[in-house]
Amino acid sequence: MARRKPRGEGDLRRRAAKRESYDRVLIVCEGEKTEPNYFCELRAHYALSTANVDVVPADGSSPITVVRSAIRRQKQERKQGEKFDRVYCIFDKDEHGNYYDACRIANNNRLTIASSIPCFEYWLLLHCEYTRAPFSPSGSRTVAEQVLAKLKTHLPDYEKSSSGLFARLLDNLETAKTRAARGLQDAERTGEDNPSTHVHELVEYLQTLKEKTE
């Protein structure tokens, strides 16, 4: 897959924004639109500065490219005398063969993983229902398409490039966080991580980001 061009204009807008006293955070997403849209909308809802919370798509669509993009961006900032207090990598397990390598490299570089198994749509599904029934490929459908089909029983018009998702699901956000935490506990207890997600941990962190300086 061709590497996306650097987003110089976006970088200029970010640097022009006012830096606040709370943590500076980088969020690198596997998805080109769905995940960046969601976290940009979350950032706007909680009035977080774009100079503090930078949300960018990775240079490719696999876990390993997310991690490498995050490391590269982190190094660029350090060369300019800047730093991020936290760097989050948003990616799916899906059917990626490099998922565990990506997790290992991220941990070795002190990056925080907010992965979803099988995919980000499971986090969205938790706003609508709780399930720990494993997802798997069936017929011509991939495992991610199975999750998508389940989500569409609640959100028939959902598409992967959808915008406005955060506002649309906001009323059930706290419920989704509780369900996600419950699912992780069950995953640890049973040793079965399909399905599960860590996205709620990033959401909680961003919700309380301003409180760290108040």
N, C-alpha and C. Protein backbone atom coordinates (compact mmCIF):
# COMPACT_ATOMS: atom_id res chain seq x y z
N MET A 1 0.85 -1.20 0.00
CA MET A 1 0.00 0.00 0.00
C MET A 1 0.88 1.25 0.00
N ALA A 2 0.54 2.22 -0.81
CA ALA A 2 1.33 3.45 -0.90
C ALA A 2 1.26 4.24 0.40
N ARG A 3 2.39 4.81 0.77
CA ARG A 3 2.44 5.60 1.99
C ARG A 3 1.75 6.94 1.78
N ARG A 4 0.97 7.34 2.75
CA ARG A 4 0.29 8.63 2.65
C ARG A 4 1.30 9.76 2.76
N LYS A 5 1.02 10.85 2.10
CA LYS A 5 1.91 12.01 2.15
C LYS A 5 1.83 12.67 3.52
N PRO A 6 2.95 13.22 3.99
CA PRO A 6 2.92 13.94 5.27
C PRO A 6 1.90 15.06 5.25
N ARG A 7 1.24 15.27 6.37
CA ARG A 7 0.17 16.27 6.42
C ARG A 7 0.70 17.57 7.01
N GLY A 8 1.50 18.27 6.19
CA GLY A 8 2.13 19.47 6.68
C GLY A 8 1.16 20.53 7.14
N GLU A 9 0.07 20.71 6.41
CA GLU A 9 -0.91 21.73 6.76
C GLU A 9 -1.53 21.43 8.12
N GLY A 10 -1.82 20.13 8.36
CA GLY A 10 -2.38 19.74 9.64
C GLY A 10 -1.41 20.00 10.77
N ASP A 11 -0.13 19.75 10.51
CA ASP A 11 0.88 20.00 11.53
C ASP A 11 0.94 21.49 11.87
N LEU A 12 0.81 22.34 10.85
CA LEU A 12 0.84 23.78 11.09
C LEU A 12 -0.34 24.22 11.93
N ARG A 13 -1.53 23.65 11.64
CA ARG A 13 -2.72 24.00 12.42
C ARG A 13 -2.54 23.55 13.87
N ARG A 14 -1.96 22.35 14.05
CA ARG A 14 -1.78 21.84 15.40
C ARG A 14 -0.82 22.74 16.18
N ARG A 15 0.28 23.15 15.51
CA ARG A 15 1.26 23.97 16.22
C ARG A 15 0.71 25.37 16.51
N ALA A 16 -0.22 25.83 15.67
CA ALA A 16 -0.80 27.15 15.87
C ALA A 16 -1.80 27.15 17.01
N ALA A 17 -2.37 25.98 17.33
CA ALA A 17 -3.34 25.90 18.42
C ALA A 17 -2.65 26.16 19.75
N LYS A 18 -3.43 26.60 20.71
CA LYS A 18 -2.87 26.93 22.02
C LYS A 18 -2.60 25.67 22.83
N ARG A 19 -1.37 25.53 23.30
CA ARG A 19 -1.00 24.41 24.15
C ARG A 19 -1.52 24.66 25.56
N GLU A 20 -2.22 23.68 26.11
CA GLU A 20 -2.73 23.78 27.47
C GLU A 20 -1.79 23.05 28.43
N SER A 21 -2.06 23.16 29.73
CA SER A 21 -1.14 22.63 30.74
C SER A 21 -1.29 21.13 30.98
N TYR A 22 -2.35 20.51 30.45
CA TYR A 22 -2.51 19.07 30.66
C TYR A 22 -1.65 18.28 29.66
N ASP A 23 -1.67 16.95 29.81
CA ASP A 23 -0.81 16.07 29.01
C ASP A 23 -0.94 16.33 27.51
N ARG A 24 0.16 16.12 26.84
CA ARG A 24 0.15 16.14 25.37
C ARG A 24 0.12 14.70 24.89
N VAL A 25 -0.82 14.39 24.00
CA VAL A 25 -1.11 13.01 23.62
C VAL A 25 -1.11 12.85 22.11
N LEU A 26 -0.51 11.76 21.64
CA LEU A 26 -0.57 11.40 20.22
C LEU A 26 -1.40 10.12 20.10
N ILE A 27 -2.37 10.14 19.19
CA ILE A 27 -3.21 8.97 18.93
C ILE A 27 -3.05 8.61 17.46
N VAL A 28 -2.45 7.46 17.20
CA VAL A 28 -2.21 6.99 15.83
C VAL A 28 -3.18 5.85 15.54
N CYS A 29 -3.96 6.00 14.48
CA CYS A 29 -5.05 5.06 14.19
C CYS A 29 -4.76 4.22 12.95
N GLU A 30 -5.15 2.95 13.03
CA GLU A 30 -5.04 2.07 11.87
C GLU A 30 -5.99 2.51 10.77
N GLY A 31 -7.21 2.82 11.14
CA GLY A 31 -8.21 3.24 10.16
C GLY A 31 -7.92 4.64 9.65
N GLU A 32 -8.24 4.87 8.37
CA GLU A 32 -7.97 6.18 7.78
C GLU A 32 -9.04 7.19 8.14
N LYS A 33 -10.28 6.74 8.39
CA LYS A 33 -11.37 7.68 8.66
C LYS A 33 -12.16 7.36 9.93
N THR A 34 -12.61 6.12 10.10
CA THR A 34 -13.53 5.80 11.19
C THR A 34 -12.96 6.16 12.55
N GLU A 35 -11.79 5.62 12.88
CA GLU A 35 -11.20 5.89 14.19
C GLU A 35 -10.75 7.34 14.35
N PRO A 36 -10.05 7.93 13.34
CA PRO A 36 -9.71 9.36 13.49
C PRO A 36 -10.94 10.24 13.65
N ASN A 37 -11.99 9.97 12.88
CA ASN A 37 -13.22 10.75 13.02
C ASN A 37 -13.77 10.65 14.44
N TYR A 38 -13.80 9.43 14.97
CA TYR A 38 -14.37 9.20 16.30
C TYR A 38 -13.60 9.97 17.36
N PHE A 39 -12.27 9.88 17.33
CA PHE A 39 -11.48 10.53 18.38
C PHE A 39 -11.37 12.04 18.18
N CYS A 40 -11.44 12.51 16.95
CA CYS A 40 -11.51 13.96 16.74
C CYS A 40 -12.83 14.51 17.27
N GLU A 41 -13.90 13.77 17.08
CA GLU A 41 -15.20 14.19 17.61
C GLU A 41 -15.21 14.15 19.13
N LEU A 42 -14.58 13.15 19.71
CA LEU A 42 -14.46 13.08 21.17
C LEU A 42 -13.65 14.27 21.68
N ARG A 43 -12.56 14.57 21.01
CA ARG A 43 -11.71 15.70 21.41
C ARG A 43 -12.50 17.00 21.40
N ALA A 44 -13.30 17.19 20.36
CA ALA A 44 -14.11 18.40 20.26
C ALA A 44 -15.18 18.45 21.35
N HIS A 45 -15.80 17.30 21.62
CA HIS A 45 -16.88 17.27 22.62
C HIS A 45 -16.36 17.68 24.00
N TYR A 46 -15.16 17.23 24.36
CA TYR A 46 -14.60 17.56 25.67
C TYR A 46 -13.71 18.81 25.63
N ALA A 47 -13.76 19.54 24.52
CA ALA A 47 -13.04 20.81 24.36
C ALA A 47 -11.56 20.66 24.68
N LEU A 48 -10.96 19.60 24.16
CA LEU A 48 -9.53 19.39 24.33
C LEU A 48 -8.78 20.10 23.21
N SER A 49 -7.66 20.70 23.53
CA SER A 49 -6.89 21.43 22.55
C SER A 49 -6.28 20.49 21.51
N THR A 50 -6.34 20.90 20.26
CA THR A 50 -5.71 20.11 19.20
C THR A 50 -4.18 20.14 19.33
N ALA A 51 -3.66 21.11 20.06
CA ALA A 51 -2.22 21.15 20.32
C ALA A 51 -1.82 20.12 21.36
N ASN A 52 -2.75 19.69 22.17
CA ASN A 52 -2.48 18.68 23.20
C ASN A 52 -2.84 17.27 22.77
N VAL A 53 -3.91 17.16 22.00
CA VAL A 53 -4.37 15.83 21.58
C VAL A 53 -4.33 15.78 20.06
N ASP A 54 -3.34 15.09 19.53
CA ASP A 54 -3.13 14.98 18.09
C ASP A 54 -3.61 13.61 17.62
N VAL A 55 -4.56 13.60 16.70
CA VAL A 55 -5.14 12.36 16.19
C VAL A 55 -4.77 12.23 14.72
N VAL A 56 -4.06 11.15 14.37
CA VAL A 56 -3.60 10.99 12.98
C VAL A 56 -3.78 9.55 12.52
N PRO A 57 -4.04 9.35 11.22
CA PRO A 57 -4.03 7.99 10.67
C PRO A 57 -2.60 7.54 10.47
N ALA A 58 -2.38 6.24 10.52
CA ALA A 58 -1.04 5.69 10.29
C ALA A 58 -0.70 5.74 8.80
N ASP A 59 0.54 5.38 8.47
CA ASP A 59 0.99 5.38 7.09
C ASP A 59 0.60 4.11 6.35
N GLY A 60 -0.19 3.26 6.99
CA GLY A 60 -0.63 2.02 6.38
C GLY A 60 -1.73 1.41 7.23
N SER A 61 -2.28 0.29 6.78
CA SER A 61 -3.45 -0.27 7.46
C SER A 61 -3.17 -1.62 8.09
N SER A 62 -2.15 -1.69 8.93
CA SER A 62 -1.87 -2.90 9.70
C SER A 62 -1.31 -2.49 11.05
N PRO A 63 -1.40 -3.36 12.06
CA PRO A 63 -0.88 -3.01 13.38
C PRO A 63 0.58 -2.56 13.36
N ILE A 64 1.41 -3.23 12.58
CA ILE A 64 2.83 -2.90 12.58
C ILE A 64 3.08 -1.51 12.00
N THR A 65 2.30 -1.10 11.00
CA THR A 65 2.49 0.24 10.44
C THR A 65 2.00 1.31 11.40
N VAL A 66 0.99 0.99 12.21
CA VAL A 66 0.53 1.94 13.24
C VAL A 66 1.67 2.20 14.23
N VAL A 67 2.28 1.13 14.70
CA VAL A 67 3.35 1.26 15.69
C VAL A 67 4.56 1.99 15.09
N ARG A 68 4.94 1.63 13.88
CA ARG A 68 6.09 2.29 13.25
C ARG A 68 5.80 3.77 12.99
N SER A 69 4.57 4.09 12.61
CA SER A 69 4.19 5.50 12.41
C SER A 69 4.30 6.27 13.71
N ALA A 70 3.86 5.65 14.82
CA ALA A 70 3.91 6.30 16.13
C ALA A 70 5.35 6.54 16.56
N ILE A 71 6.19 5.55 16.36
CA ILE A 71 7.61 5.68 16.74
C ILE A 71 8.28 6.78 15.91
N ARG A 72 8.00 6.79 14.63
CA ARG A 72 8.60 7.79 13.74
C ARG A 72 8.17 9.20 14.14
N ARG A 73 6.88 9.36 14.42
CA ARG A 73 6.38 10.67 14.82
C ARG A 73 6.98 11.10 16.16
N GLN A 74 7.11 10.17 17.06
CA GLN A 74 7.69 10.46 18.37
C GLN A 74 9.14 10.95 18.21
N LYS A 75 9.89 10.30 17.35
CA LYS A 75 11.28 10.69 17.11
C LYS A 75 11.36 12.08 16.47
N GLN A 76 10.45 12.36 15.55
CA GLN A 76 10.43 13.68 14.92
C GLN A 76 10.20 14.79 15.94
N GLU A 77 9.29 14.54 16.86
CA GLU A 77 9.00 15.53 17.89
C GLU A 77 10.21 15.77 18.78
N ARG A 78 10.87 14.69 19.16
CA ARG A 78 12.04 14.81 20.03
C ARG A 78 13.16 15.61 19.37
N LYS A 79 13.34 15.42 18.07
CA LYS A 79 14.36 16.17 17.34
C LYS A 79 14.06 17.66 17.36
N GLN A 80 12.79 18.02 17.45
CA GLN A 80 12.38 19.41 17.48
C GLN A 80 12.26 19.95 18.90
N GLY A 81 12.70 19.14 19.88
CA GLY A 81 12.66 19.56 21.27
C GLY A 81 11.29 19.46 21.89
N GLU A 82 10.38 18.70 21.26
CA GLU A 82 9.03 18.50 21.79
C GLU A 82 8.89 17.07 22.29
N LYS A 83 7.78 16.80 22.98
CA LYS A 83 7.54 15.43 23.40
C LYS A 83 6.05 15.22 23.65
N PHE A 84 5.65 13.95 23.56
CA PHE A 84 4.30 13.56 23.94
C PHE A 84 4.39 12.88 25.30
N ASP A 85 3.43 13.19 26.17
CA ASP A 85 3.39 12.51 27.46
C ASP A 85 2.91 11.07 27.32
N ARG A 86 2.01 10.85 26.35
CA ARG A 86 1.56 9.50 26.04
C ARG A 86 1.35 9.35 24.54
N VAL A 87 1.63 8.16 24.06
CA VAL A 87 1.39 7.83 22.66
C VAL A 87 0.53 6.58 22.61
N TYR A 88 -0.63 6.69 21.97
CA TYR A 88 -1.57 5.57 21.86
C TYR A 88 -1.58 5.03 20.44
N CYS A 89 -1.61 3.72 20.33
CA CYS A 89 -1.73 3.05 19.04
C CYS A 89 -3.09 2.35 18.98
N ILE A 90 -3.91 2.74 18.01
CA ILE A 90 -5.25 2.17 17.84
C ILE A 90 -5.21 1.21 16.66
N PHE A 91 -5.33 -0.08 16.94
CA PHE A 91 -5.37 -1.04 15.83
C PHE A 91 -6.18 -2.27 16.22
N ASP A 92 -6.54 -3.05 15.19
CA ASP A 92 -7.34 -4.25 15.36
C ASP A 92 -6.47 -5.49 15.27
N LYS A 93 -6.93 -6.55 15.89
CA LYS A 93 -6.29 -7.84 15.67
C LYS A 93 -6.75 -8.41 14.34
N ASP A 94 -8.07 -8.42 14.11
CA ASP A 94 -8.66 -8.86 12.85
C ASP A 94 -7.96 -10.15 12.41
N GLU A 95 -7.46 -10.18 11.17
CA GLU A 95 -6.73 -11.35 10.68
C GLU A 95 -5.28 -10.98 10.35
N HIS A 96 -4.79 -9.94 11.01
CA HIS A 96 -3.42 -9.47 10.75
C HIS A 96 -2.40 -10.45 11.32
N GLY A 97 -1.44 -10.83 10.51
CA GLY A 97 -0.41 -11.73 10.97
C GLY A 97 0.64 -11.07 11.84
N ASN A 98 0.71 -9.74 11.83
CA ASN A 98 1.76 -9.04 12.59
C ASN A 98 1.23 -8.42 13.88
N TYR A 99 0.06 -8.83 14.32
CA TYR A 99 -0.55 -8.24 15.51
C TYR A 99 0.35 -8.38 16.74
N TYR A 100 0.85 -9.58 17.01
CA TYR A 100 1.65 -9.78 18.22
C TYR A 100 3.01 -9.11 18.11
N ASP A 101 3.59 -9.07 16.91
CA ASP A 101 4.85 -8.33 16.72
C ASP A 101 4.63 -6.85 17.01
N ALA A 102 3.50 -6.33 16.54
CA ALA A 102 3.18 -4.92 16.78
C ALA A 102 3.05 -4.64 18.27
N CYS A 103 2.38 -5.54 18.99
CA CYS A 103 2.23 -5.36 20.44
C CYS A 103 3.58 -5.39 21.15
N ARG A 104 4.44 -6.30 20.73
CA ARG A 104 5.77 -6.41 21.34
C ARG A 104 6.58 -5.14 21.11
N ILE A 105 6.61 -4.66 19.87
CA ILE A 105 7.39 -3.46 19.55
C ILE A 105 6.82 -2.25 20.27
N ALA A 106 5.50 -2.15 20.33
CA ALA A 106 4.87 -1.04 21.05
C ALA A 106 5.26 -1.04 22.52
N ASN A 107 5.18 -2.20 23.14
CA ASN A 107 5.55 -2.30 24.56
C ASN A 107 7.02 -1.97 24.78
N ASN A 108 7.88 -2.42 23.87
CA ASN A 108 9.32 -2.14 24.00
C ASN A 108 9.62 -0.65 23.87
N ASN A 109 8.75 0.07 23.18
CA ASN A 109 8.96 1.51 22.98
C ASN A 109 8.06 2.35 23.87
N ARG A 110 7.46 1.71 24.86
CA ARG A 110 6.61 2.39 25.85
C ARG A 110 5.44 3.12 25.22
N LEU A 111 4.88 2.54 24.19
CA LEU A 111 3.66 3.06 23.59
C LEU A 111 2.48 2.35 24.24
N THR A 112 1.34 3.00 24.30
CA THR A 112 0.15 2.40 24.91
C THR A 112 -0.75 1.86 23.80
N ILE A 113 -1.13 0.61 23.94
CA ILE A 113 -1.96 -0.05 22.93
C ILE A 113 -3.42 0.05 23.33
N ALA A 114 -4.24 0.51 22.40
CA ALA A 114 -5.69 0.50 22.60
C ALA A 114 -6.29 -0.32 21.47
N SER A 115 -6.04 -1.62 21.53
CA SER A 115 -6.46 -2.51 20.44
C SER A 115 -7.87 -3.02 20.65
N SER A 116 -8.44 -3.55 19.58
CA SER A 116 -9.75 -4.19 19.64
C SER A 116 -9.67 -5.54 18.95
N ILE A 117 -10.32 -6.51 19.53
CA ILE A 117 -10.36 -7.86 18.97
C ILE A 117 -11.82 -8.26 18.80
N PRO A 118 -12.28 -8.52 17.58
CA PRO A 118 -11.49 -8.53 16.35
C PRO A 118 -11.21 -7.14 15.76
N CYS A 119 -12.09 -6.15 16.00
CA CYS A 119 -11.95 -4.87 15.32
C CYS A 119 -12.65 -3.75 16.10
N PHE A 120 -12.40 -2.52 15.67
CA PHE A 120 -12.91 -1.33 16.35
C PHE A 120 -14.43 -1.35 16.46
N GLU A 121 -15.10 -1.97 15.49
CA GLU A 121 -16.56 -2.01 15.51
C GLU A 121 -17.09 -2.75 16.74
N TYR A 122 -16.27 -3.60 17.36
CA TYR A 122 -16.72 -4.25 18.59
C TYR A 122 -16.92 -3.21 19.69
N TRP A 123 -16.03 -2.21 19.76
CA TRP A 123 -16.21 -1.11 20.73
C TRP A 123 -17.51 -0.38 20.46
N LEU A 124 -17.82 -0.13 19.21
CA LEU A 124 -19.08 0.54 18.87
C LEU A 124 -20.28 -0.34 19.23
N LEU A 125 -20.15 -1.63 19.00
CA LEU A 125 -21.23 -2.57 19.31
C LEU A 125 -21.56 -2.56 20.80
N LEU A 126 -20.56 -2.36 21.65
CA LEU A 126 -20.78 -2.37 23.09
C LEU A 126 -21.68 -1.21 23.55
N HIS A 127 -21.83 -0.21 22.73
CA HIS A 127 -22.78 0.87 23.04
C HIS A 127 -24.22 0.38 22.91
N CYS A 128 -24.38 -0.69 22.16
CA CYS A 128 -25.72 -1.19 21.84
C CYS A 128 -26.08 -2.48 22.57
N GLU A 129 -25.09 -3.33 22.83
CA GLU A 129 -25.33 -4.59 23.52
C GLU A 129 -24.02 -5.14 24.08
N TYR A 130 -24.14 -6.01 25.04
CA TYR A 130 -22.96 -6.70 25.58
C TYR A 130 -22.94 -8.11 25.01
N THR A 131 -21.80 -8.51 24.47
CA THR A 131 -21.62 -9.88 24.02
C THR A 131 -20.16 -10.28 24.17
N ARG A 132 -19.97 -11.52 24.55
CA ARG A 132 -18.63 -12.12 24.59
C ARG A 132 -18.60 -13.38 23.74
N ALA A 133 -19.61 -13.56 22.92
CA ALA A 133 -19.62 -14.70 22.00
C ALA A 133 -18.54 -14.48 20.95
N PRO A 134 -17.62 -15.43 20.77
CA PRO A 134 -16.50 -15.24 19.83
C PRO A 134 -16.98 -15.01 18.40
N PHE A 135 -16.27 -14.14 17.70
CA PHE A 135 -16.53 -13.89 16.29
C PHE A 135 -15.51 -14.68 15.47
N SER A 136 -15.95 -15.24 14.37
CA SER A 136 -15.06 -15.99 13.49
C SER A 136 -15.54 -15.87 12.06
N PRO A 137 -14.66 -16.11 11.08
CA PRO A 137 -15.08 -16.04 9.67
C PRO A 137 -16.17 -17.08 9.41
N SER A 138 -17.07 -16.73 8.51
CA SER A 138 -18.14 -17.66 8.16
C SER A 138 -18.51 -17.46 6.70
N GLY A 139 -18.43 -18.52 5.92
CA GLY A 139 -18.73 -18.40 4.50
C GLY A 139 -17.80 -17.41 3.85
N SER A 140 -18.35 -16.42 3.17
CA SER A 140 -17.53 -15.41 2.50
C SER A 140 -17.21 -14.22 3.40
N ARG A 141 -17.75 -14.21 4.62
CA ARG A 141 -17.53 -13.10 5.54
C ARG A 141 -16.27 -13.30 6.36
N THR A 142 -15.45 -12.24 6.45
CA THR A 142 -14.30 -12.26 7.34
C THR A 142 -14.77 -12.06 8.77
N VAL A 143 -13.87 -12.21 9.71
CA VAL A 143 -14.24 -12.01 11.11
C VAL A 143 -14.69 -10.58 11.36
N ALA A 144 -14.02 -9.60 10.73
CA ALA A 144 -14.42 -8.20 10.90
C ALA A 144 -15.80 -7.95 10.29
N GLU A 145 -16.09 -8.59 9.18
CA GLU A 145 -17.39 -8.44 8.56
C GLU A 145 -18.50 -9.05 9.41
N GLN A 146 -18.16 -10.07 10.19
CA GLN A 146 -19.13 -10.64 11.11
C GLN A 146 -19.50 -9.63 12.20
N VAL A 147 -18.50 -8.94 12.73
CA VAL A 147 -18.76 -7.90 13.74
C VAL A 147 -19.58 -6.78 13.12
N LEU A 148 -19.21 -6.38 11.91
CA LEU A 148 -19.92 -5.31 11.22
C LEU A 148 -21.39 -5.67 11.01
N ALA A 149 -21.64 -6.91 10.64
CA ALA A 149 -23.02 -7.35 10.44
C ALA A 149 -23.82 -7.27 11.74
N LYS A 150 -23.17 -7.64 12.84
CA LYS A 150 -23.82 -7.56 14.15
C LYS A 150 -24.12 -6.11 14.52
N LEU A 151 -23.16 -5.24 14.27
CA LEU A 151 -23.35 -3.82 14.57
C LEU A 151 -24.49 -3.24 13.75
N LYS A 152 -24.61 -3.66 12.51
CA LYS A 152 -25.64 -3.11 11.62
C LYS A 152 -27.05 -3.54 12.02
N THR A 153 -27.18 -4.52 12.89
CA THR A 153 -28.52 -4.83 13.39
C THR A 153 -29.01 -3.70 14.29
N HIS A 154 -28.08 -2.92 14.82
CA HIS A 154 -28.43 -1.77 15.66
C HIS A 154 -28.30 -0.45 14.90
N LEU A 155 -27.29 -0.38 14.02
CA LEU A 155 -27.03 0.84 13.24
C LEU A 155 -27.03 0.47 11.77
N PRO A 156 -28.19 0.31 11.16
CA PRO A 156 -28.28 -0.18 9.78
C PRO A 156 -27.53 0.66 8.75
N ASP A 157 -27.39 1.96 9.01
CA ASP A 157 -26.74 2.83 8.03
C ASP A 157 -25.25 3.05 8.32
N TYR A 158 -24.70 2.28 9.25
CA TYR A 158 -23.28 2.45 9.59
C TYR A 158 -22.40 2.07 8.41
N GLU A 159 -21.38 2.90 8.16
CA GLU A 159 -20.33 2.60 7.19
C GLU A 159 -19.00 2.89 7.84
N LYS A 160 -17.93 2.25 7.37
CA LYS A 160 -16.64 2.37 8.03
C LYS A 160 -16.08 3.79 8.00
N SER A 161 -16.52 4.59 7.04
CA SER A 161 -16.04 5.97 6.98
C SER A 161 -16.99 6.94 7.66
N SER A 162 -17.92 6.40 8.46
CA SER A 162 -18.96 7.23 9.07
C SER A 162 -18.38 8.34 9.94
N SER A 163 -19.04 9.48 9.90
CA SER A 163 -18.72 10.57 10.82
C SER A 163 -19.93 10.77 11.72
N GLY A 164 -19.72 11.49 12.81
CA GLY A 164 -20.81 11.75 13.75
C GLY A 164 -21.11 10.60 14.69
N LEU A 165 -20.27 9.58 14.68
CA LEU A 165 -20.52 8.39 15.52
C LEU A 165 -20.45 8.70 17.00
N PHE A 166 -19.47 9.52 17.38
CA PHE A 166 -19.32 9.80 18.81
C PHE A 166 -20.59 10.43 19.38
N ALA A 167 -21.11 11.45 18.71
CA ALA A 167 -22.33 12.11 19.18
C ALA A 167 -23.51 11.16 19.14
N ARG A 168 -23.56 10.36 18.11
CA ARG A 168 -24.69 9.44 17.95
C ARG A 168 -24.75 8.41 19.08
N LEU A 169 -23.59 7.98 19.55
CA LEU A 169 -23.52 6.94 20.58
C LEU A 169 -23.27 7.48 21.98
N LEU A 170 -23.18 8.80 22.10
CA LEU A 170 -22.77 9.42 23.36
C LEU A 170 -23.63 9.00 24.55
N ASP A 171 -24.93 8.90 24.38
CA ASP A 171 -25.82 8.57 25.49
C ASP A 171 -25.49 7.22 26.11
N ASN A 172 -24.87 6.34 25.34
CA ASN A 172 -24.54 5.01 25.83
C ASN A 172 -23.04 4.82 26.09
N LEU A 173 -22.30 5.94 26.13
CA LEU A 173 -20.85 5.84 26.28
C LEU A 173 -20.44 5.19 27.59
N GLU A 174 -21.02 5.63 28.70
CA GLU A 174 -20.63 5.07 29.99
C GLU A 174 -21.01 3.59 30.09
N THR A 175 -22.14 3.24 29.49
CA THR A 175 -22.54 1.83 29.44
C THR A 175 -21.52 1.02 28.65
N ALA A 176 -21.07 1.55 27.53
CA ALA A 176 -20.08 0.85 26.71
C ALA A 176 -18.77 0.67 27.47
N LYS A 177 -18.36 1.69 28.21
CA LYS A 177 -17.13 1.58 29.01
C LYS A 177 -17.25 0.48 30.05
N THR A 178 -18.39 0.43 30.72
CA THR A 178 -18.62 -0.61 31.73
C THR A 178 -18.61 -2.00 31.09
N ARG A 179 -19.24 -2.12 29.95
CA ARG A 179 -19.28 -3.41 29.25
C ARG A 179 -17.88 -3.83 28.79
N ALA A 180 -17.11 -2.86 28.30
CA ALA A 180 -15.76 -3.17 27.83
C ALA A 180 -14.88 -3.65 28.98
N ALA A 181 -14.97 -2.99 30.13
CA ALA A 181 -14.19 -3.40 31.30
C ALA A 181 -14.62 -4.79 31.76
N ARG A 182 -15.92 -5.04 31.76
CA ARG A 182 -16.44 -6.36 32.12
C ARG A 182 -15.92 -7.43 31.15
N GLY A 183 -15.89 -7.10 29.86
CA GLY A 183 -15.40 -8.04 28.87
C GLY A 183 -13.93 -8.37 29.06
N LEU A 184 -13.12 -7.35 29.38
CA LEU A 184 -11.69 -7.59 29.62
C LEU A 184 -11.48 -8.49 30.84
N GLN A 185 -12.24 -8.27 31.88
CA GLN A 185 -12.14 -9.12 33.06
C GLN A 185 -12.47 -10.56 32.71
N ASP A 186 -13.50 -10.74 31.89
CA ASP A 186 -13.87 -12.09 31.49
C ASP A 186 -12.81 -12.71 30.59
N ALA A 187 -12.19 -11.89 29.73
CA ALA A 187 -11.13 -12.38 28.86
C ALA A 187 -9.93 -12.86 29.68
N GLU A 188 -9.58 -12.12 30.72
CA GLU A 188 -8.47 -12.52 31.59
C GLU A 188 -8.80 -13.79 32.36
N ARG A 189 -10.06 -13.91 32.77
CA ARG A 189 -10.48 -15.07 33.54
C ARG A 189 -10.51 -16.33 32.68
N THR A 190 -10.97 -16.21 31.46
CA THR A 190 -11.17 -17.38 30.59
C THR A 190 -9.99 -17.64 29.66
N GLY A 191 -9.13 -16.63 29.45
CA GLY A 191 -8.04 -16.78 28.50
C GLY A 191 -8.49 -16.63 27.05
N GLU A 192 -9.73 -16.23 26.84
CA GLU A 192 -10.28 -16.02 25.49
C GLU A 192 -10.49 -14.52 25.27
N ASP A 193 -9.69 -13.93 24.40
CA ASP A 193 -9.77 -12.48 24.21
C ASP A 193 -10.66 -12.07 23.05
N ASN A 194 -11.27 -13.00 22.38
CA ASN A 194 -12.18 -12.71 21.26
C ASN A 194 -13.62 -12.86 21.70
N PRO A 195 -14.36 -11.74 21.79
CA PRO A 195 -13.97 -10.35 21.50
C PRO A 195 -13.59 -9.60 22.78
N SER A 196 -12.83 -8.53 22.60
CA SER A 196 -12.49 -7.64 23.72
C SER A 196 -11.89 -6.36 23.14
N THR A 197 -11.78 -5.34 23.97
CA THR A 197 -11.22 -4.06 23.52
C THR A 197 -10.62 -3.30 24.69
N HIS A 198 -9.64 -2.45 24.36
CA HIS A 198 -9.04 -1.55 25.35
C HIS A 198 -9.37 -0.09 25.03
N VAL A 199 -10.22 0.15 24.07
CA VAL A 199 -10.52 1.51 23.65
C VAL A 199 -11.11 2.32 24.80
N HIS A 200 -11.89 1.68 25.66
CA HIS A 200 -12.51 2.41 26.77
C HIS A 200 -11.47 3.03 27.70
N GLU A 201 -10.29 2.43 27.79
CA GLU A 201 -9.24 2.97 28.65
C GLU A 201 -8.73 4.30 28.11
N LEU A 202 -8.59 4.39 26.79
CA LEU A 202 -8.20 5.66 26.18
C LEU A 202 -9.31 6.69 26.33
N VAL A 203 -10.55 6.28 26.13
CA VAL A 203 -11.68 7.20 26.28
C VAL A 203 -11.71 7.77 27.70
N GLU A 204 -11.55 6.92 28.69
CA GLU A 204 -11.56 7.37 30.09
C GLU A 204 -10.41 8.35 30.35
N TYR A 205 -9.25 8.05 29.82
CA TYR A 205 -8.09 8.93 29.98
C TYR A 205 -8.36 10.32 29.39
N LEU A 206 -8.92 10.36 28.19
CA LEU A 206 -9.21 11.64 27.55
C LEU A 206 -10.32 12.40 28.28
N GLN A 207 -11.29 11.68 28.80
CA GLN A 207 -12.37 12.34 29.54
C GLN A 207 -11.86 13.06 30.78
N THR A 208 -10.82 12.54 31.38
CA THR A 208 -10.30 13.11 32.64
C THR A 208 -9.00 13.90 32.43
N LEU A 209 -8.63 14.13 31.18
CA LEU A 209 -7.35 14.75 30.88
C LEU A 209 -7.20 16.13 31.53
N LYS A 210 -8.24 16.94 31.44
CA LYS A 210 -8.17 18.29 32.02
C LYS A 210 -8.09 18.27 33.54
N GLU A 211 -8.66 17.25 34.15
CA GLU A 211 -8.71 17.18 35.60
C GLU A 211 -7.32 17.05 36.22
N LYS A 212 -6.34 16.62 35.44
CA LYS A 212 -5.00 16.42 35.96
C LYS A 212 -4.33 17.73 36.37
N THR A 213 -4.84 18.84 35.85
CA THR A 213 -4.23 20.14 36.16
C THR A 213 -5.15 21.05 36.98
N GLU A 214 -6.32 20.52 37.32
CA GLU A 214 -7.28 21.36 38.06
C GLU A 214 -7.12 21.17 39.57
